[in-house]
Amino acid sequence: MIKILIADKINLTHLPLFPKNKFHITAFDNIPNSEIIKKYNDYDVLVIRSIRKIGKKFLSKAKFKIIATVSRGTDHIDVAEAKKQKIKVLNIERGNSLAAAEHTLALLLAVSKNIIFSNKCVRENRFTAYDYERFELEGKTIGIIGFGSIGSLVGKYCKALGMKILVNDTDKKVIVKNKNFKFVSLDYLLEASDIITVHIPLENNKNFLSKDKLRKLKPSAILINTSRGEVLDESFLIKLLKAKKIKSAALDVFKNEPLINKQFYGLPNVLLTNHIAGKTTESSSKMTKEIFIRIKNLYQNI
């Protein structure tokens, strides 16, 4: 009997994927790490969400064979320590791709049409206040950094809108697979794009868009980030926005969540959402199904 502990609140619709004669499931909405170690350390699999931090101290005591996270990123887990303790880390690869790509497009449309300000005008009985900028996306150049399952969907949507698309990705398989898109160097993308959108994991990409890289953006550029806050120099981005050295930004992720830098609140040229790009009713189901299948496949021969 394989014992699985679900430590965080997730969509349980797909639990029937685990045959009851082979798997024993214990599920909580939220259970402290200390209690996991104390009461459930004899379990085989620990299932968590990205809101839970799994550090070296926890892993040094853990006896799980697998830690499965219902998230794309694994930066909340000390993966190196897990490997040292011979604990396999599983994550999802595609379950929230559609949700994240659609959210990226929603941010792009909201910024280009100035939706938030328009909504404010209507609510303040300023219906004829038309003197604010809106612009069309057709013909604009969007630079997509990272062309995996999310970035490639963003590319597909933007192509349908008639946008010019530049892509930066270092994976040769991705480049071969997407021959219909123009792959360029990162510097060229940053300098030539009207809009830049980021779709890379945090692993090995911390401060990927450094101060020097952000300086390359055009004054008219718009930056969108739905990946992780730490992939860019957040403090320098704030300086650029304050000085209007770039046009605007739309951010779903931040360096310190949920206590994000309060300087963002006073900036009129930034649109903020609360790390919801990959979180929809549908994606919650897709993500748990994907992680359950991955777990089940590891035990398929029992």
Protein backbone atom coordinates (compact mmCIF):
# COMPACT_ATOMS: atom_id res chain seq x y z
CA MET A 1 0.00 0.00 0.00
CA ILE A 2 1.43 3.36 -1.11
CA LYS A 3 0.67 6.13 1.37
CA ILE A 4 0.14 9.67 0.08
CA LEU A 5 -0.18 12.76 2.27
CA ILE A 6 -1.84 15.80 0.67
CA ALA A 7 -0.74 18.63 2.95
CA ASP A 8 -2.35 21.63 1.21
CA LYS A 9 -5.79 22.43 -0.16
CA ILE A 10 -5.94 21.24 -3.76
CA ASN A 11 -8.58 20.07 -6.22
CA LEU A 12 -9.40 16.47 -5.28
CA THR A 13 -11.63 15.68 -8.27
CA HIS A 14 -9.10 13.25 -9.71
CA LEU A 15 -8.42 11.20 -6.57
CA PRO A 16 -10.12 8.17 -8.21
CA LEU A 17 -6.99 7.91 -10.39
CA PHE A 18 -5.46 6.13 -7.38
CA PRO A 19 -6.90 2.61 -6.95
CA LYS A 20 -8.01 2.17 -3.36
CA ASN A 21 -6.46 -1.27 -3.15
CA LYS A 22 -3.01 0.16 -3.92
CA PHE A 23 -3.04 3.70 -2.50
CA HIS A 24 -3.97 5.16 0.88
CA ILE A 25 -4.68 8.91 0.78
CA THR A 26 -4.74 11.36 3.70
CA ALA A 27 -5.72 14.93 2.77
CA PHE A 28 -5.63 18.22 4.66
CA ASP A 29 -6.38 21.81 3.63
CA ASN A 30 -3.26 22.92 5.47
CA ILE A 31 -1.07 21.13 7.95
CA PRO A 32 2.11 22.53 9.57
CA ASN A 33 5.47 21.12 8.49
CA SER A 34 6.17 20.15 12.09
CA GLU A 35 3.04 17.99 12.22
CA ILE A 36 3.89 16.37 8.90
CA ILE A 37 7.23 15.20 10.30
CA LYS A 38 5.73 14.21 13.64
CA LYS A 39 2.71 12.22 12.41
CA TYR A 40 3.12 11.34 8.72
CA ASN A 41 6.82 10.85 8.12
CA ASP A 42 6.27 7.19 7.31
CA TYR A 43 4.27 8.11 4.20
CA ASP A 44 5.74 7.57 0.72
CA VAL A 45 4.55 10.71 -1.05
CA LEU A 46 4.02 14.29 0.12
CA VAL A 47 1.82 16.49 -2.08
CA ILE A 48 2.08 20.28 -1.58
CA ARG A 49 1.44 23.63 -3.27
CA SER A 50 3.92 26.43 -3.97
CA ILE A 51 2.71 28.35 -0.90
CA ARG A 52 4.56 25.83 1.33
CA LYS A 53 8.28 26.22 1.94
CA ILE A 54 10.28 23.02 2.09
CA GLY A 55 13.77 23.81 3.37
CA LYS A 56 16.87 22.01 4.48
CA LYS A 57 15.71 21.55 8.08
CA PHE A 58 12.51 19.81 6.99
CA LEU A 59 14.25 17.67 4.39
CA SER A 60 16.94 16.52 6.81
CA LYS A 61 14.18 14.84 8.85
CA ALA A 62 11.86 13.81 6.03
CA LYS A 63 11.59 10.17 4.98
CA PHE A 64 9.32 10.64 1.97
CA LYS A 65 10.35 9.04 -1.30
CA ILE A 66 8.60 11.72 -3.35
CA ILE A 67 7.61 15.36 -2.82
CA ALA A 68 5.11 16.40 -5.48
CA THR A 69 4.26 20.07 -5.88
CA VAL A 70 1.11 21.20 -7.67
CA SER A 71 2.99 24.02 -9.35
CA ARG A 72 5.31 24.60 -12.26
CA GLY A 73 8.05 26.21 -10.19
CA THR A 74 10.07 24.36 -7.54
CA ASP A 75 11.82 27.38 -6.02
CA HIS A 76 9.89 26.86 -2.74
CA ILE A 77 11.72 23.55 -2.30
CA ASP A 78 15.41 23.09 -1.55
CA VAL A 79 15.82 20.78 -4.55
CA ALA A 80 19.54 20.27 -4.00
CA GLU A 81 18.95 19.09 -0.43
CA ALA A 82 16.08 16.86 -1.56
CA LYS A 83 18.40 15.22 -4.07
CA LYS A 84 21.00 14.77 -1.33
CA GLN A 85 18.37 13.04 0.81
CA LYS A 86 17.35 10.91 -2.22
CA ILE A 87 13.86 12.43 -2.31
CA LYS A 88 12.44 12.79 -5.81
CA VAL A 89 10.77 16.15 -6.56
CA LEU A 90 7.87 16.18 -9.02
CA ASN A 91 6.24 19.28 -10.49
CA ILE A 92 3.67 20.02 -13.19
CA GLU A 93 4.71 21.02 -16.69
CA ARG A 94 1.58 21.98 -18.62
CA GLY A 95 -1.45 22.10 -16.30
CA ASN A 96 -1.55 25.88 -15.92
CA SER A 97 -0.06 26.87 -19.28
CA LEU A 98 -3.31 27.99 -20.87
CA ALA A 99 -4.34 29.99 -17.79
CA ALA A 100 -0.96 31.76 -17.57
CA ALA A 101 -0.86 32.54 -21.29
CA GLU A 102 -4.40 33.94 -21.24
CA HIS A 103 -3.57 36.07 -18.19
CA THR A 104 -0.53 37.46 -19.99
CA LEU A 105 -2.75 38.42 -22.90
CA ALA A 106 -5.29 39.95 -20.50
CA LEU A 107 -2.55 42.15 -19.00
CA LEU A 108 -1.39 43.15 -22.47
CA LEU A 109 -4.90 44.12 -23.54
CA ALA A 110 -5.66 45.92 -20.27
CA VAL A 111 -2.53 48.05 -20.63
CA SER A 112 -2.90 48.78 -24.33
CA LYS A 113 -6.56 49.83 -23.98
CA ASN A 114 -6.07 51.50 -20.57
CA ILE A 115 -8.98 49.47 -19.22
CA ILE A 116 -8.36 50.20 -15.54
CA PHE A 117 -8.36 53.96 -16.04
CA SER A 118 -11.43 53.78 -18.28
CA ASN A 119 -13.31 51.84 -15.61
CA LYS A 120 -12.30 54.51 -13.06
CA CYS A 121 -13.61 57.31 -15.30
CA VAL A 122 -17.00 55.66 -15.73
CA ARG A 123 -17.37 55.07 -11.98
CA GLU A 124 -16.46 58.70 -11.28
CA ASN A 125 -19.13 59.96 -13.70
CA ARG A 126 -16.49 61.12 -16.22
CA PHE A 127 -17.94 59.23 -19.16
CA THR A 128 -16.67 61.70 -21.75
CA ALA A 129 -13.09 61.68 -20.44
CA TYR A 130 -11.52 60.30 -23.61
CA ASP A 131 -8.21 62.16 -23.45
CA TYR A 132 -5.94 59.31 -22.40
CA GLU A 133 -3.79 57.01 -24.48
CA ARG A 134 -4.93 53.73 -25.98
CA PHE A 135 -3.12 51.92 -28.76
CA GLU A 136 -3.57 49.01 -31.15
CA LEU A 137 -1.52 45.84 -30.89
CA GLU A 138 -1.46 44.98 -34.58
CA GLY A 139 1.96 45.72 -36.00
CA LYS A 140 3.59 46.15 -32.57
CA THR A 141 6.64 44.03 -31.75
CA ILE A 142 6.39 41.73 -28.75
CA GLY A 143 9.51 40.06 -27.38
CA ILE A 144 8.83 36.74 -25.66
CA ILE A 145 11.53 35.54 -23.26
CA GLY A 146 11.13 31.79 -22.76
CA PHE A 147 9.17 29.85 -25.37
CA GLY A 148 8.02 26.78 -23.49
CA SER A 149 4.39 25.74 -23.06
CA ILE A 150 3.33 29.22 -21.83
CA GLY A 151 5.51 31.45 -23.98
CA SER A 152 4.64 29.55 -27.16
CA LEU A 153 0.92 29.97 -26.45
CA VAL A 154 1.46 33.70 -25.94
CA GLY A 155 3.23 33.71 -29.30
CA LYS A 156 0.28 31.94 -30.93
CA TYR A 157 -2.21 34.46 -29.49
CA CYS A 158 -0.10 37.47 -30.44
CA LYS A 159 0.37 36.18 -33.97
CA ALA A 160 -3.42 36.02 -34.28
CA LEU A 161 -3.51 39.70 -33.29
CA GLY A 162 -1.16 40.60 -36.10
CA MET A 163 1.80 41.41 -33.88
CA LYS A 164 5.45 41.03 -34.86
CA ILE A 165 7.07 38.42 -32.64
CA LEU A 166 10.64 38.08 -31.43
CA VAL A 167 11.65 35.12 -29.28
CA ASN A 168 14.59 34.37 -27.00
CA ASP A 169 15.16 30.83 -25.75
CA THR A 170 18.36 28.83 -25.27
CA ASP A 171 16.78 25.37 -25.70
CA LYS A 172 17.72 24.05 -29.16
CA LYS A 173 14.72 21.70 -29.16
CA VAL A 174 12.39 24.66 -28.66
CA ILE A 175 14.04 26.52 -31.54
CA VAL A 176 13.75 23.54 -33.90
CA LYS A 177 10.13 22.96 -32.88
CA ASN A 178 9.10 26.57 -33.57
CA LYS A 179 10.65 27.36 -36.94
CA ASN A 180 7.81 29.75 -37.81
CA PHE A 181 8.98 32.20 -35.13
CA LYS A 182 12.00 34.51 -35.20
CA PHE A 183 14.55 33.66 -32.51
CA VAL A 184 16.99 36.45 -31.61
CA SER A 185 19.57 37.32 -28.97
CA LEU A 186 18.31 38.65 -25.66
CA ASP A 187 19.95 42.05 -26.20
CA TYR A 188 18.33 42.48 -29.61
CA LEU A 189 14.93 41.48 -28.22
CA LEU A 190 15.17 43.97 -25.36
CA GLU A 191 16.25 46.81 -27.63
CA ALA A 192 13.77 46.16 -30.47
CA SER A 193 10.54 45.18 -28.69
CA ASP A 194 7.59 47.44 -27.92
CA ILE A 195 6.37 44.89 -25.35
CA ILE A 196 8.49 42.34 -23.48
CA THR A 197 6.91 39.39 -21.68
CA VAL A 198 8.81 36.95 -19.47
CA HIS A 199 8.11 33.20 -19.24
CA ILE A 200 11.13 31.54 -17.63
CA PRO A 201 11.50 29.54 -14.41
CA LEU A 202 13.32 31.04 -11.44
CA GLU A 203 15.73 28.10 -11.26
CA ASN A 204 19.07 29.29 -12.72
CA ASN A 205 17.44 32.57 -13.78
CA LYS A 206 17.58 34.75 -10.67
CA ASN A 207 18.10 38.39 -11.71
CA PHE A 208 18.03 37.27 -15.36
CA LEU A 209 16.83 40.74 -16.34
CA SER A 210 19.53 42.62 -14.46
CA LYS A 211 19.97 46.36 -14.19
CA ASP A 212 22.14 46.33 -17.33
CA LYS A 213 19.55 44.33 -19.27
CA LEU A 214 16.63 46.51 -18.18
CA ARG A 215 18.54 49.59 -19.29
CA LYS A 216 18.28 48.30 -22.86
CA LEU A 217 14.50 48.73 -22.97
CA LYS A 218 13.09 51.52 -25.11
CA PRO A 219 11.48 54.47 -23.26
CA SER A 220 8.21 53.43 -24.92
CA ALA A 221 8.54 49.78 -23.83
CA ILE A 222 6.04 47.84 -21.75
CA LEU A 223 7.26 44.98 -19.53
CA ILE A 224 5.01 42.06 -18.53
CA ASN A 225 6.06 39.45 -15.97
CA THR A 226 3.96 36.42 -15.06
CA SER A 227 6.88 34.09 -14.24
CA ARG A 228 8.61 34.89 -10.93
CA GLY A 229 9.43 38.24 -9.36
CA GLU A 230 13.07 37.38 -8.75
CA VAL A 231 13.88 36.88 -12.44
CA LEU A 232 14.31 40.65 -12.74
CA ASP A 233 15.87 43.47 -10.76
CA GLU A 234 12.68 44.71 -9.13
CA SER A 235 14.23 47.75 -7.43
CA PHE A 236 15.70 49.00 -10.68
CA LEU A 237 12.41 48.39 -12.50
CA ILE A 238 10.72 50.69 -9.96
CA LYS A 239 13.36 53.35 -10.68
CA LEU A 240 12.70 53.05 -14.41
CA LEU A 241 8.95 53.35 -13.89
CA LYS A 242 9.33 56.35 -11.56
CA ALA A 243 11.61 58.14 -13.99
CA LYS A 244 9.40 57.12 -16.93
CA LYS A 245 12.42 55.53 -18.59
CA ILE A 246 9.98 52.83 -19.72
CA LYS A 247 6.33 53.35 -20.53
CA SER A 248 4.74 50.89 -18.11
CA ALA A 249 4.74 47.42 -16.61
CA ALA A 250 2.16 44.75 -15.84
CA LEU A 251 3.20 42.39 -13.05
CA ASP A 252 1.60 39.28 -11.59
CA VAL A 253 4.63 38.20 -9.56
CA PHE A 254 6.89 39.96 -7.08
CA LYS A 255 10.09 39.50 -5.15
CA ASN A 256 8.48 39.36 -1.70
CA GLU A 257 5.01 37.87 -1.77
CA PRO A 258 2.58 38.65 -0.26
CA LEU A 259 4.37 41.66 1.28
CA ILE A 260 5.38 43.28 -2.01
CA ASN A 261 7.34 46.51 -2.34
CA LYS A 262 4.89 49.30 -1.43
CA GLN A 263 6.51 51.65 -3.94
CA PHE A 264 4.49 49.87 -6.62
CA TYR A 265 1.25 51.18 -5.10
CA GLY A 266 2.03 54.79 -5.91
CA LEU A 267 3.03 54.20 -9.52
CA PRO A 268 0.31 55.03 -12.07
CA ASN A 269 2.20 53.27 -14.88
CA VAL A 270 2.12 49.76 -13.44
CA LEU A 271 -0.71 47.23 -13.43
CA LEU A 272 -0.62 44.72 -10.56
CA THR A 273 -2.30 41.34 -10.09
CA ASN A 274 -1.84 38.99 -7.16
CA HIS A 275 0.01 35.97 -8.60
CA ILE A 276 -3.10 34.54 -10.24
CA ALA A 277 -1.86 34.03 -13.82
CA GLY A 278 -1.84 30.24 -13.57
CA LYS A 279 -4.74 29.92 -11.17
CA THR A 280 -8.17 29.26 -12.67
CA THR A 281 -10.98 26.79 -11.95
CA GLU A 282 -9.85 24.72 -14.92
CA SER A 283 -6.12 24.86 -14.20
CA SER A 284 -6.59 23.72 -10.60
CA SER A 285 -8.18 20.56 -11.97
CA LYS A 286 -5.62 20.09 -14.76
CA MET A 287 -2.67 20.59 -12.42
CA THR A 288 -3.77 18.07 -9.82
CA LYS A 289 -4.64 15.55 -12.52
CA GLU A 290 -1.18 15.96 -14.02
CA ILE A 291 0.64 15.54 -10.72
CA PHE A 292 -1.53 12.56 -9.71
CA ILE A 293 -0.75 10.84 -13.04
CA ARG A 294 2.95 11.48 -12.56
CA ILE A 295 2.84 9.94 -9.09
CA LYS A 296 0.77 6.98 -10.26
CA ASN A 297 3.13 6.33 -13.19
CA LEU A 298 6.07 5.97 -10.81
CA TYR A 299 4.19 3.17 -9.06
CA GLN A 300 2.54 1.66 -12.15
CA ASN A 301 4.21 -1.72 -11.77
CA ILE A 302 3.03 -2.42 -8.24
